[in-house]
C-alpha atoms as a PDB file:
ATOM      1  CA  UNK A   1      85.492  84.222  90.933  1.00  0.00           C
ATOM      2  CA  UNK A   2      88.562  83.063  92.880  1.00  0.00           C
ATOM      3  CA  UNK A   3      89.151  85.075  96.033  1.00  0.00           C
ATOM      4  CA  UNK A   4      92.690  86.005  96.974  1.00  0.00           C
ATOM      5  CA  UNK A   5      93.748  85.536 100.602  1.00  0.00           C
ATOM      6  CA  UNK A   6      94.922  88.692 102.283  1.00  0.00           C
ATOM      7  CA  UNK A   7      97.058  88.822 105.416  1.00  0.00           C
ATOM      8  CA  UNK A   8      95.067  90.656 108.072  1.00  0.00           C
ATOM      9  CA  UNK A   9      97.266  90.287 111.157  1.00  0.00           C
ATOM     10  CA  UNK A  10      98.830  88.060 113.774  1.00  0.00           C
ATOM     11  CA  UNK A  11      97.727  86.855 117.193  1.00  0.00           C
ATOM     12  CA  UNK A  12      98.268  84.213 119.875  1.00  0.00           C
ATOM     13  CA  UNK A  13      95.770  81.579 120.897  1.00  0.00           C
ATOM     14  CA  UNK A  14      94.945  78.182 122.361  1.00  0.00           C
ATOM     15  CA  UNK A  15      94.393  75.015 120.309  1.00  0.00           C
ATOM     16  CA  UNK A  16      91.018  73.620 121.364  1.00  0.00           C
ATOM     17  CA  UNK A  17      90.442  70.875 118.791  1.00  0.00           C
ATOM     18  CA  UNK A  18      92.365  68.822 116.263  1.00  0.00           C
ATOM     19  CA  UNK A  19      90.676  67.198 113.287  1.00  0.00           C
ATOM     20  CA  UNK A  20      93.113  65.602 110.893  1.00  0.00           C
ATOM     21  CA  UNK A  21      95.434  68.361 109.693  1.00  0.00           C
ATOM     22  CA  UNK A  22      93.045  71.159 110.721  1.00  0.00           C
ATOM     23  CA  UNK A  23      93.036  72.819 114.151  1.00  0.00           C
ATOM     24  CA  UNK A  24      90.564  75.078 115.917  1.00  0.00           C
ATOM     25  CA  UNK A  25      92.401  77.896 117.699  1.00  0.00           C
ATOM     26  CA  UNK A  26      90.703  80.359 120.041  1.00  0.00           C
ATOM     27  CA  UNK A  27      92.620  83.624 120.138  1.00  0.00           C
ATOM     28  CA  UNK A  28      93.271  85.582 123.324  1.00  0.00           C
ATOM     29  CA  UNK A  29      90.512  88.014 122.344  1.00  0.00           C
ATOM     30  CA  UNK A  30      87.977  85.184 121.957  1.00  0.00           C
ATOM     31  CA  UNK A  31      87.876  84.705 118.174  1.00  0.00           C
ATOM     32  CA  UNK A  32      87.894  81.165 116.752  1.00  0.00           C
ATOM     33  CA  UNK A  33      90.043  80.318 113.719  1.00  0.00           C
ATOM     34  CA  UNK A  34      90.280  77.293 111.478  1.00  0.00           C
ATOM     35  CA  UNK A  35      94.027  76.809 111.278  1.00  0.00           C
ATOM     36  CA  UNK A  36      96.684  74.707 109.599  1.00  0.00           C
ATOM     37  CA  UNK A  37     100.418  74.283 109.815  1.00  0.00           C
ATOM     38  CA  UNK A  38     102.739  74.862 106.876  1.00  0.00           C
ATOM     39  CA  UNK A  39     106.338  73.829 106.080  1.00  0.00           C
ATOM     40  CA  UNK A  40     107.650  76.907 107.860  1.00  0.00           C
ATOM     41  CA  UNK A  41     105.819  76.249 111.149  1.00  0.00           C
ATOM     42  CA  UNK A  42     108.293  76.296 114.037  1.00  0.00           C
ATOM     43  CA  UNK A  43     108.048  74.579 117.416  1.00  0.00           C
ATOM     44  CA  UNK A  44     109.726  75.049 120.777  1.00  0.00           C
ATOM     45  CA  UNK A  45     109.193  71.320 121.448  1.00  0.00           C
ATOM     46  CA  UNK A  46     111.160  68.356 120.122  1.00  0.00           C
ATOM     47  CA  UNK A  47     110.444  64.755 119.077  1.00  0.00           C
ATOM     48  CA  UNK A  48     106.672  64.996 119.523  1.00  0.00           C
ATOM     49  CA  UNK A  49     103.569  65.953 117.572  1.00  0.00           C
ATOM     50  CA  UNK A  50     103.921  69.404 116.064  1.00  0.00           C
ATOM     51  CA  UNK A  51     100.528  70.630 117.332  1.00  0.00           C
ATOM     52  CA  UNK A  52      98.222  69.247 120.036  1.00  0.00           C
ATOM     53  CA  UNK A  53      95.083  70.281 121.873  1.00  0.00           C
ATOM     54  CA  UNK A  54      96.157  72.561 124.725  1.00  0.00           C
ATOM     55  CA  UNK A  55      99.089  74.094 122.850  1.00  0.00           C
ATOM     56  CA  UNK A  56      99.695  77.832 122.905  1.00  0.00           C
ATOM     57  CA  UNK A  57     100.436  78.990 119.348  1.00  0.00           C
ATOM     58  CA  UNK A  58     101.120  82.069 117.274  1.00  0.00           C
ATOM     59  CA  UNK A  59      98.991  82.626 114.163  1.00  0.00           C
ATOM     60  CA  UNK A  60      99.107  84.506 110.880  1.00  0.00           C
ATOM     61  CA  UNK A  61      95.509  85.371 110.038  1.00  0.00           C
ATOM     62  CA  UNK A  62      94.263  85.312 106.452  1.00  0.00           C
ATOM     63  CA  UNK A  63      90.916  86.455 105.071  1.00  0.00           C
ATOM     64  CA  UNK A  64      89.070  84.243 102.596  1.00  0.00           C
ATOM     65  CA  UNK A  65      86.851  87.011 101.275  1.00  0.00           C
ATOM     66  CA  UNK A  66      83.894  85.900 103.393  1.00  0.00           C
ATOM     67  CA  UNK A  67      83.023  86.324 107.047  1.00  0.00           C
ATOM     68  CA  UNK A  68      85.099  83.211 107.822  1.00  0.00           C
ATOM     69  CA  UNK A  69      88.655  83.844 108.945  1.00  0.00           C
ATOM     70  CA  UNK A  70      91.394  81.272 108.615  1.00  0.00           C
ATOM     71  CA  UNK A  71      94.960  81.210 109.879  1.00  0.00           C
ATOM     72  CA  UNK A  72      98.266  79.413 109.608  1.00  0.00           C
ATOM     73  CA  UNK A  73     100.179  78.382 112.713  1.00  0.00           C
ATOM     74  CA  UNK A  74     103.623  79.931 112.661  1.00  0.00           C
ATOM     75  CA  UNK A  75     104.920  78.886 116.099  1.00  0.00           C
ATOM     76  CA  UNK A  76     104.027  76.263 118.703  1.00  0.00           C
ATOM     77  CA  UNK A  77     105.142  77.482 122.112  1.00  0.00           C
ATOM     78  CA  UNK A  78     106.911  75.454 124.806  1.00  0.00           C
ATOM     79  CA  UNK A  79     104.751  72.910 126.673  1.00  0.00           C
ATOM     80  CA  UNK A  80     105.119  72.681 130.433  1.00  0.00           C
ATOM     81  CA  UNK A  81     103.357  69.290 130.504  1.00  0.00           C
ATOM     82  CA  UNK A  82     102.107  66.767 127.973  1.00  0.00           C
ATOM     83  CA  UNK A  83     100.137  63.549 127.763  1.00  0.00           C
ATOM     84  CA  UNK A  84     101.851  61.447 125.107  1.00  0.00           C
ATOM     85  CA  UNK A  85     101.643  58.058 123.438  1.00  0.00           C
ATOM     86  CA  UNK A  86     103.855  56.130 121.062  1.00  0.00           C
ATOM     87  CA  UNK A  87     102.916  56.091 117.405  1.00  0.00           C
ATOM     88  CA  UNK A  88     102.493  52.756 115.656  1.00  0.00           C
ATOM     89  CA  UNK A  89     105.073  53.224 112.912  1.00  0.00           C
ATOM     90  CA  UNK A  90     103.576  50.329 110.968  1.00  0.00           C
ATOM     91  CA  UNK A  91     100.302  52.239 110.577  1.00  0.00           C
ATOM     92  CA  UNK A  92     101.472  55.839 110.647  1.00  0.00           C
ATOM     93  CA  UNK A  93     103.776  57.397 108.097  1.00  0.00           C
ATOM     94  CA  UNK A  94     104.731  60.272 110.365  1.00  0.00           C
ATOM     95  CA  UNK A  95     108.390  60.443 111.348  1.00  0.00           C
ATOM     96  CA  UNK A  96     107.397  61.556 114.852  1.00  0.00           C
ATOM     97  CA  UNK A  97     107.674  58.618 117.255  1.00  0.00           C
ATOM     98  CA  UNK A  98     105.685  60.318 120.037  1.00  0.00           C
ATOM     99  CA  UNK A  99     102.181  61.746 119.635  1.00  0.00           C
ATOM    100  CA  UNK A 100     100.968  64.374 122.081  1.00  0.00           C
ATOM    101  CA  UNK A 101      97.380  63.703 123.148  1.00  0.00           C
ATOM    102  CA  UNK A 102      97.036  66.918 125.156  1.00  0.00           C
ATOM    103  CA  UNK A 103      99.410  69.708 126.189  1.00  0.00           C
ATOM    104  CA  UNK A 104      99.816  72.090 129.142  1.00  0.00           C
ATOM    105  CA  UNK A 105      97.611  70.119 131.524  1.00  0.00           C
ATOM    106  CA  UNK A 106      97.189  71.420 135.083  1.00  0.00           C
ATOM    107  CA  UNK A 107      95.311  68.418 136.431  1.00  0.00           C
ATOM    108  CA  UNK A 108      94.820  64.788 135.440  1.00  0.00           C
ATOM    109  CA  UNK A 109      91.325  63.577 136.318  1.00  0.00           C
ATOM    110  CA  UNK A 110      91.450  59.801 136.705  1.00  0.00           C
ATOM    111  CA  UNK A 111      87.934  58.447 136.268  1.00  0.00           C
ATOM    112  CA  UNK A 112      87.289  54.913 137.521  1.00  0.00           C
ATOM    113  CA  UNK A 113      84.060  52.995 137.981  1.00  0.00           C
ATOM    114  CA  UNK A 114      82.942  51.608 141.324  1.00  0.00           C
ATOM    115  CA  UNK A 115      80.977  48.946 139.414  1.00  0.00           C
ATOM    116  CA  UNK A 116      80.499  47.895 135.761  1.00  0.00           C
ATOM    117  CA  UNK A 117      83.391  47.813 134.969  1.00  0.00           C
ATOM    118  CA  UNK A 118      84.714  46.925 138.438  1.00  0.00           C
ATOM    119  CA  UNK A 119      87.110  49.226 140.280  1.00  0.00           C
ATOM    120  CA  UNK A 120      90.750  48.447 139.472  1.00  0.00           C
ATOM    121  CA  UNK A 121      93.265  49.943 141.901  1.00  0.00           C
ATOM    122  CA  UNK A 122      96.089  48.572 139.739  1.00  0.00           C
ATOM    123  CA  UNK A 123      94.884  50.817 136.933  1.00  0.00           C
ATOM    124  CA  UNK A 124      94.666  53.757 139.343  1.00  0.00           C
ATOM    125  CA  UNK A 125      98.284  53.114 140.313  1.00  0.00           C
ATOM    126  CA  UNK A 126      99.391  53.199 136.674  1.00  0.00           C
ATOM    127  CA  UNK A 127      97.710  56.583 136.272  1.00  0.00           C
ATOM    128  CA  UNK A 128      99.336  57.897 139.432  1.00  0.00           C
ATOM    129  CA  UNK A 129     102.792  56.768 138.314  1.00  0.00           C
ATOM    130  CA  UNK A 130     102.253  58.604 135.044  1.00  0.00           C
ATOM    131  CA  UNK A 131     101.015  61.725 136.815  1.00  0.00           C
ATOM    132  CA  UNK A 132     103.919  61.705 139.286  1.00  0.00           C
ATOM    133  CA  UNK A 133     106.392  61.360 136.424  1.00  0.00           C
ATOM    134  CA  UNK A 134     104.835  64.392 134.707  1.00  0.00           C
ATOM    135  CA  UNK A 135     104.437  66.312 138.008  1.00  0.00           C
ATOM    136  CA  UNK A 136     100.702  66.673 137.430  1.00  0.00           C
ATOM    137  CA  UNK A 137      98.095  67.249 140.116  1.00  0.00           C
ATOM    138  CA  UNK A 138      95.612  64.384 140.258  1.00  0.00           C
ATOM    139  CA  UNK A 139      91.909  64.130 141.016  1.00  0.00           C
ATOM    140  CA  UNK A 140      90.604  60.560 141.320  1.00  0.00           C
ATOM    141  CA  UNK A 141      86.901  60.379 140.449  1.00  0.00           C
ATOM    142  CA  UNK A 142      85.118  57.179 141.493  1.00  0.00           C
ATOM    143  CA  UNK A 143      81.971  57.103 139.372  1.00  0.00           C
ATOM    144  CA  UNK A 144      78.776  54.977 139.433  1.00  0.00           C
ATOM    145  CA  UNK A 145      78.597  55.027 143.229  1.00  0.00           C
ATOM    146  CA  UNK A 146      74.862  54.297 143.010  1.00  0.00           C
ATOM    147  CA  UNK A 147      75.778  50.772 141.871  1.00  0.00           C
ATOM    148  CA  UNK A 148      78.540  50.189 144.413  1.00  0.00           C
ATOM    149  CA  UNK A 149      79.126  48.686 147.815  1.00  0.00           C
ATOM    150  CA  UNK A 150      79.956  52.080 149.319  1.00  0.00           C
ATOM    151  CA  UNK A 151      81.916  50.958 152.429  1.00  0.00           C
ATOM    152  CA  UNK A 152      84.048  48.546 150.375  1.00  0.00           C
ATOM    153  CA  UNK A 153      84.744  51.177 147.706  1.00  0.00           C
ATOM    154  CA  UNK A 154      85.751  53.772 150.270  1.00  0.00           C
ATOM    155  CA  UNK A 155      87.991  51.211 151.969  1.00  0.00           C
ATOM    156  CA  UNK A 156      89.771  50.538 148.660  1.00  0.00           C
ATOM    157  CA  UNK A 157      90.341  54.263 148.124  1.00  0.00           C
ATOM    158  CA  UNK A 158      91.376  55.105 151.686  1.00  0.00           C
ATOM    159  CA  UNK A 159      95.121  54.512 151.046  1.00  0.00           C
ATOM    160  CA  UNK A 160      95.055  57.115 148.264  1.00  0.00           C
ATOM    161  CA  UNK A 161      93.362  59.716 150.446  1.00  0.00           C
ATOM    162  CA  UNK A 162      95.920  58.985 153.177  1.00  0.00           C
ATOM    163  CA  UNK A 163      98.687  59.699 150.647  1.00  0.00           C
ATOM    164  CA  UNK A 164      97.183  63.107 149.915  1.00  0.00           C
ATOM    165  CA  UNK A 165      95.472  62.355 146.590  1.00  0.00           C
ATOM    166  CA  UNK A 166      92.105  64.035 146.077  1.00  0.00           C
ATOM    167  CA  UNK A 167      89.292  61.490 145.742  1.00  0.00           C
ATOM    168  CA  UNK A 168      85.753  62.410 144.698  1.00  0.00           C
ATOM    169  CA  UNK A 169      82.799  59.998 144.600  1.00  0.00           C
ATOM    170  CA  UNK A 170      80.214  60.706 141.892  1.00  0.00           C
ATOM    171  CA  UNK A 171      76.874  59.494 140.629  1.00  0.00           C
ATOM    172  CA  UNK A 172      75.577  60.692 137.279  1.00  0.00           C
ATOM    173  CA  UNK A 173      72.076  61.428 138.590  1.00  0.00           C
ATOM    174  CA  UNK A 174      73.256  63.193 141.764  1.00  0.00           C
ATOM    175  CA  UNK A 175      73.498  66.988 141.253  1.00  0.00           C
ATOM    176  CA  UNK A 176      75.382  67.354 144.531  1.00  0.00           C
ATOM    177  CA  UNK A 177      78.362  65.235 143.470  1.00  0.00           C
ATOM    178  CA  UNK A 178      78.419  66.889 140.041  1.00  0.00           C
ATOM    179  CA  UNK A 179      78.550  70.288 141.741  1.00  0.00           C
ATOM    180  CA  UNK A 180      81.614  69.186 143.721  1.00  0.00           C
ATOM    181  CA  UNK A 181      83.253  67.926 140.531  1.00  0.00           C
ATOM    182  CA  UNK A 182      82.555  71.194 138.721  1.00  0.00           C
ATOM    183  CA  UNK A 183      84.145  73.133 141.590  1.00  0.00           C
ATOM    184  CA  UNK A 184      87.257  70.927 141.457  1.00  0.00           C
ATOM    185  CA  UNK A 185      87.666  71.717 137.746  1.00  0.00           C
ATOM    186  CA  UNK A 186      87.062  75.479 137.817  1.00  0.00           C
ATOM    187  CA  UNK A 187      90.013  77.582 136.728  1.00  0.00           C
ATOM    188  CA  UNK A 188      92.141  74.621 135.605  1.00  0.00           C
ATOM    189  CA  UNK A 189      92.943  72.812 132.374  1.00  0.00           C
ATOM    190  CA  UNK A 190      91.948  69.259 133.278  1.00  0.00           C
ATOM    191  CA  UNK A 191      92.420  66.102 131.226  1.00  0.00           C
ATOM    192  CA  UNK A 192      89.869  63.352 131.831  1.00  0.00           C
ATOM    193  CA  UNK A 193      91.104  59.826 131.331  1.00  0.00           C
ATOM    194  CA  UNK A 194      90.067  56.354 132.351  1.00  0.00           C
ATOM    195  CA  UNK A 195      89.250  52.864 131.202  1.00  0.00           C
ATOM    196  CA  UNK A 196      86.475  52.624 128.640  1.00  0.00           C
ATOM    197  CA  UNK A 197      82.996  52.390 130.126  1.00  0.00           C
ATOM    198  CA  UNK A 198      83.721  54.207 133.391  1.00  0.00           C
ATOM    199  CA  UNK A 199      81.532  57.163 132.396  1.00  0.00           C
ATOM    200  CA  UNK A 200      83.978  59.910 131.413  1.00  0.00           C
ATOM    201  CA  UNK A 201      81.882  61.165 128.523  1.00  0.00           C
ATOM    202  CA  UNK A 202      78.652  60.945 130.517  1.00  0.00           C
ATOM    203  CA  UNK A 203      80.130  63.082 133.302  1.00  0.00           C
ATOM    204  CA  UNK A 204      81.393  65.648 130.810  1.00  0.00           C
ATOM    205  CA  UNK A 205      77.998  65.825 129.106  1.00  0.00           C
ATOM    206  CA  UNK A 206      76.353  66.458 132.475  1.00  0.00           C
ATOM    207  CA  UNK A 207      78.929  69.081 133.455  1.00  0.00           C
ATOM    208  CA  UNK A 208      78.132  71.081 130.355  1.00  0.00           C
ATOM    209  CA  UNK A 209      74.396  70.522 130.467  1.00  0.00           C
ATOM    210  CA  UNK A 210      74.236  69.176 126.938  1.00  0.00           C
ATOM    211  CA  UNK A 211      75.391  66.238 124.872  1.00  0.00           C
ATOM    212  CA  UNK A 212      78.973  67.210 124.015  1.00  0.00           C
ATOM    213  CA  UNK A 213      80.494  63.761 123.549  1.00  0.00           C
ATOM    214  CA  UNK A 214      79.239  60.410 122.283  1.00  0.00           C
ATOM    215  CA  UNK A 215      78.582  57.750 124.928  1.00  0.00           C
ATOM    216  CA  UNK A 216      78.096  54.019 124.660  1.00  0.00           C
ATOM    217  CA  UNK A 217      77.026  51.357 127.109  1.00  0.00           C
ATOM    218  CA  UNK A 218      79.404  48.745 128.487  1.00  0.00           C
ATOM    219  CA  UNK A 219      79.799  45.747 126.187  1.00  0.00           C
ATOM    220  CA  UNK A 220      77.439  43.134 127.653  1.00  0.00           C
ATOM    221  CA  UNK A 221      79.475  40.203 126.329  1.00  0.00           C
ATOM    222  CA  UNK A 222      82.875  41.171 127.681  1.00  0.00           C
ATOM    223  CA  UNK A 223      81.881  43.456 130.570  1.00  0.00           C
ATOM    224  CA  UNK A 224      84.353  45.998 129.222  1.00  0.00           C
ATOM    225  CA  UNK A 225      83.653  49.506 128.079  1.00  0.00           C
ATOM    226  CA  UNK A 226      83.345  50.505 124.437  1.00  0.00           C
ATOM    227  CA  UNK A 227      85.769  53.169 123.221  1.00  0.00           C
ATOM    228  CA  UNK A 228      84.053  56.428 122.247  1.00  0.00           C
ATOM    229  CA  UNK A 229      86.961  58.904 122.325  1.00  0.00           C
ATOM    230  CA  UNK A 230      89.381  58.825 119.389  1.00  0.00           C
ATOM    231  CA  UNK A 231      90.593  62.434 119.336  1.00  0.00           C
ATOM    232  CA  UNK A 232      91.227  64.961 122.084  1.00  0.00           C
ATOM    233  CA  UNK A 233      88.791  67.852 122.290  1.00  0.00           C
ATOM    234  CA  UNK A 234      88.862  70.788 124.701  1.00  0.00           C
ATOM    235  CA  UNK A 235      85.659  72.199 126.145  1.00  0.00           C
ATOM    236  CA  UNK A 236      85.375  75.513 128.010  1.00  0.00           C
ATOM    237  CA  UNK A 237      83.700  75.337 131.411  1.00  0.00           C
ATOM    238  CA  UNK A 238      81.041  78.020 132.021  1.00  0.00           C
ATOM    239  CA  UNK A 239      82.718  79.064 135.281  1.00  0.00           C
ATOM    240  CA  UNK A 240      86.225  79.168 133.847  1.00  0.00           C
ATOM    241  CA  UNK A 241      88.699  76.442 132.995  1.00  0.00           C
ATOM    242  CA  UNK A 242      88.826  73.737 130.333  1.00  0.00           C
ATOM    243  CA  UNK A 243      88.209  69.998 130.136  1.00  0.00           C
ATOM    244  CA  UNK A 244      89.868  67.618 127.686  1.00  0.00           C
ATOM    245  CA  UNK A 245      88.563  64.098 127.138  1.00  0.00           C
ATOM    246  CA  UNK A 246      91.439  61.745 126.288  1.00  0.00           C
ATOM    247  CA  UNK A 247      92.046  58.078 125.483  1.00  0.00           C
ATOM    248  CA  UNK A 248      92.847  55.677 128.320  1.00  0.00           C
ATOM    249  CA  UNK A 249      96.089  55.104 130.204  1.00  0.00           C
ATOM    250  CA  UNK A 250      97.026  52.118 128.061  1.00  0.00           C
ATOM    251  CA  UNK A 251      97.430  54.603 125.222  1.00  0.00           C
ATOM    252  CA  UNK A 252      99.723  56.846 127.268  1.00  0.00           C
ATOM    253  CA  UNK A 253     103.457  56.730 126.685  1.00  0.00           C
ATOM    254  CA  UNK A 254     105.272  55.245 129.695  1.00  0.00           C
ATOM    255  CA  UNK A 255     108.608  54.850 127.909  1.00  0.00           C
ATOM    256  CA  UNK A 256     110.378  57.266 130.282  1.00  0.00           C
ATOM    257  CA  UNK A 257     109.394  55.124 133.282  1.00  0.00           C
ATOM    258  CA  UNK A 258     111.918  52.370 133.937  1.00  0.00           C
ATOM    259  CA  UNK A 259     112.728  49.857 136.661  1.00  0.00           C
ATOM    260  CA  UNK A 260     115.400  52.280 137.802  1.00  0.00           C
ATOM    261  CA  UNK A 261     113.125  55.306 138.327  1.00  0.00           C
ATOM    262  CA  UNK A 262     109.745  53.676 139.095  1.00  0.00           C
ATOM    263  CA  UNK A 263     110.414  53.801 142.853  1.00  0.00           C
ATOM    264  CA  UNK A 264     110.416  57.609 142.793  1.00  0.00           C
ATOM    265  CA  UNK A 265     106.817  57.693 141.522  1.00  0.00           C
ATOM    266  CA  UNK A 266     105.321  55.838 144.498  1.00  0.00           C
ATOM    267  CA  UNK A 267     105.293  58.804 146.845  1.00  0.00           C
ATOM    268  CA  UNK A 268     104.999  56.760 150.049  1.00  0.00           C
ATOM    269  CA  UNK A 269     108.364  55.100 149.293  1.00  0.00           C
ATOM    270  CA  UNK A 270     110.292  58.363 149.541  1.00  0.00           C
ATOM    271  CA  UNK A 271     110.133  58.548 153.331  1.00  0.00           C
ATOM    272  CA  UNK A 272     111.658  55.090 153.768  1.00  0.00           C
ATOM    273  CA  UNK A 273     114.163  54.956 150.896  1.00  0.00           C
ATOM    274  CA  UNK A 274     116.988  56.578 152.940  1.00  0.00           C
ATOM    275  CA  UNK A 275     116.763  53.586 155.301  1.00  0.00           C
ATOM    276  CA  UNK A 276     117.731  51.126 152.538  1.00  0.00           C
ATOM    277  CA  UNK A 277     121.221  49.596 152.775  1.00  0.00           C
ATOM    278  CA  UNK A 278     121.810  50.254 149.074  1.00  0.00           C
ATOM    279  CA  UNK A 279     121.226  53.606 147.377  1.00  0.00           C
ATOM    280  CA  UNK A 280     120.153  51.805 144.185  1.00  0.00           C
ATOM    281  CA  UNK A 281     117.748  49.491 146.042  1.00  0.00           C
ATOM    282  CA  UNK A 282     114.881  48.349 143.810  1.00  0.00           C
ATOM    283  CA  UNK A 283     112.765  47.423 146.871  1.00  0.00           C
ATOM    284  CA  UNK A 284     112.084  43.998 145.399  1.00  0.00           C
ATOM    285  CA  UNK A 285     114.570  41.506 146.892  1.00  0.00           C
ATOM    286  CA  UNK A 286     117.522  43.352 148.421  1.00  0.00           C
ATOM    287  CA  UNK A 287     118.395  42.784 152.093  1.00  0.00           C
ATOM    288  CA  UNK A 288     117.925  45.585 154.618  1.00  0.00           C
ATOM    289  CA  UNK A 289     115.363  47.378 152.442  1.00  0.00           C
ATOM    290  CA  UNK A 290     113.630  50.231 154.236  1.00  0.00           C
ATOM    291  CA  UNK A 291     110.597  50.067 151.963  1.00  0.00           C
ATOM    292  CA  UNK A 292     110.019  46.346 152.534  1.00  0.00           C
ATOM    293  CA  UNK A 293     110.373  46.872 156.282  1.00  0.00           C
ATOM    294  CA  UNK A 294     107.769  49.645 156.102  1.00  0.00           C
ATOM    295  CA  UNK A 295     105.379  47.303 154.274  1.00  0.00           C
ATOM    296  CA  UNK A 296     105.818  44.664 156.985  1.00  0.00           C
ATOM    297  CA  UNK A 297     105.312  47.277 159.722  1.00  0.00           C
ATOM    298  CA  UNK A 298     102.167  48.731 158.144  1.00  0.00           C
ATOM    299  CA  UNK A 299     103.752  52.016 157.066  1.00  0.00           C
ATOM    300  CA  UNK A 300     103.102  51.260 153.378  1.00  0.00           C
ATOM    301  CA  UNK A 301      99.863  49.746 152.114  1.00  0.00           C
ATOM    302  CA  UNK A 302     100.576  46.115 151.029  1.00  0.00           C
ATOM    303  CA  UNK A 303      98.273  46.377 147.995  1.00  0.00           C
ATOM    304  CA  UNK A 304     100.157  49.425 146.747  1.00  0.00           C
ATOM    305  CA  UNK A 305     103.457  47.580 147.215  1.00  0.00           C
ATOM    306  CA  UNK A 306     102.107  44.572 145.275  1.00  0.00           C
ATOM    307  CA  UNK A 307     101.036  46.978 142.552  1.00  0.00           C
ATOM    308  CA  UNK A 308     104.586  48.377 142.465  1.00  0.00           C
ATOM    309  CA  UNK A 309     106.029  44.874 142.056  1.00  0.00           C
ATOM    310  CA  UNK A 310     103.573  44.029 139.271  1.00  0.00           C
ATOM    311  CA  UNK A 311     104.398  47.209 137.368  1.00  0.00           C
ATOM    312  CA  UNK A 312     108.124  46.734 138.003  1.00  0.00           C
ATOM    313  CA  UNK A 313     107.980  43.358 136.243  1.00  0.00           C
ATOM    314  CA  UNK A 314     106.510  44.928 133.110  1.00  0.00           C
ATOM    315  CA  UNK A 315     109.334  47.480 132.751  1.00  0.00           C
ATOM    316  CA  UNK A 316     112.871  47.227 131.482  1.00  0.00           C
END
């Protein structure tokens, strides 16, 4: 016998998982709903994915005639932050050019490996530029410290700590470092991201005390990590807060970062920019550049400046 759906109410909730066109939404009173959009679904956001993990939404709840409740999403509320990437229009029929990976993030957790794959400060700098452009707090997690040259690793990360970025050194089999990581995540909605093979999924599995996400070893031929995360999924921390595992920075959308505005996302430049002879100084070749003088005088880390120049050359 076919069961007729019956409207049983409305509520607000948080999108915790996206699987194809179906979304898991946890309501404010703790109930979980399998949800979908419909042609009448409205959004307070423009030019991006209609629904993403981390979104706050309004639901119309329907009853299937069993103990399982389903719902339709009627409204997607305004996002105060978003991790986005460009869609490949050749492979995706969607008219939306920008896909939201995760919404309403409080903190971007940049996971890098001290060894296997080797630590890349250039990649860290790309993450930081993205985070600065989105006004996100950042936690840099340097994983696999048991395999590393500890003094050299700490020397590489010292410029970031001097700039005020939080840096945490972790080892998967060290409960002490995992405890510090758990404390840094409590009460926040944190998005984990990093190059494949750095141990994001392993750390998350250990944080939750069970195997939540698939993990794979580093590719022995190439030395690079093997991708294991294809969709964003939000996990609730036992002590409060949420963690989202996301794809890497190369998937993130950097289209709003240009040669013109890149200089504003290297925070150490801001102090010296007023000393430049030209207000539009790119800090690359202009005379009387305050930033270049600061590099020469030791006020700006030379490696960070070289990273700025390298990224500048890739932008338009």
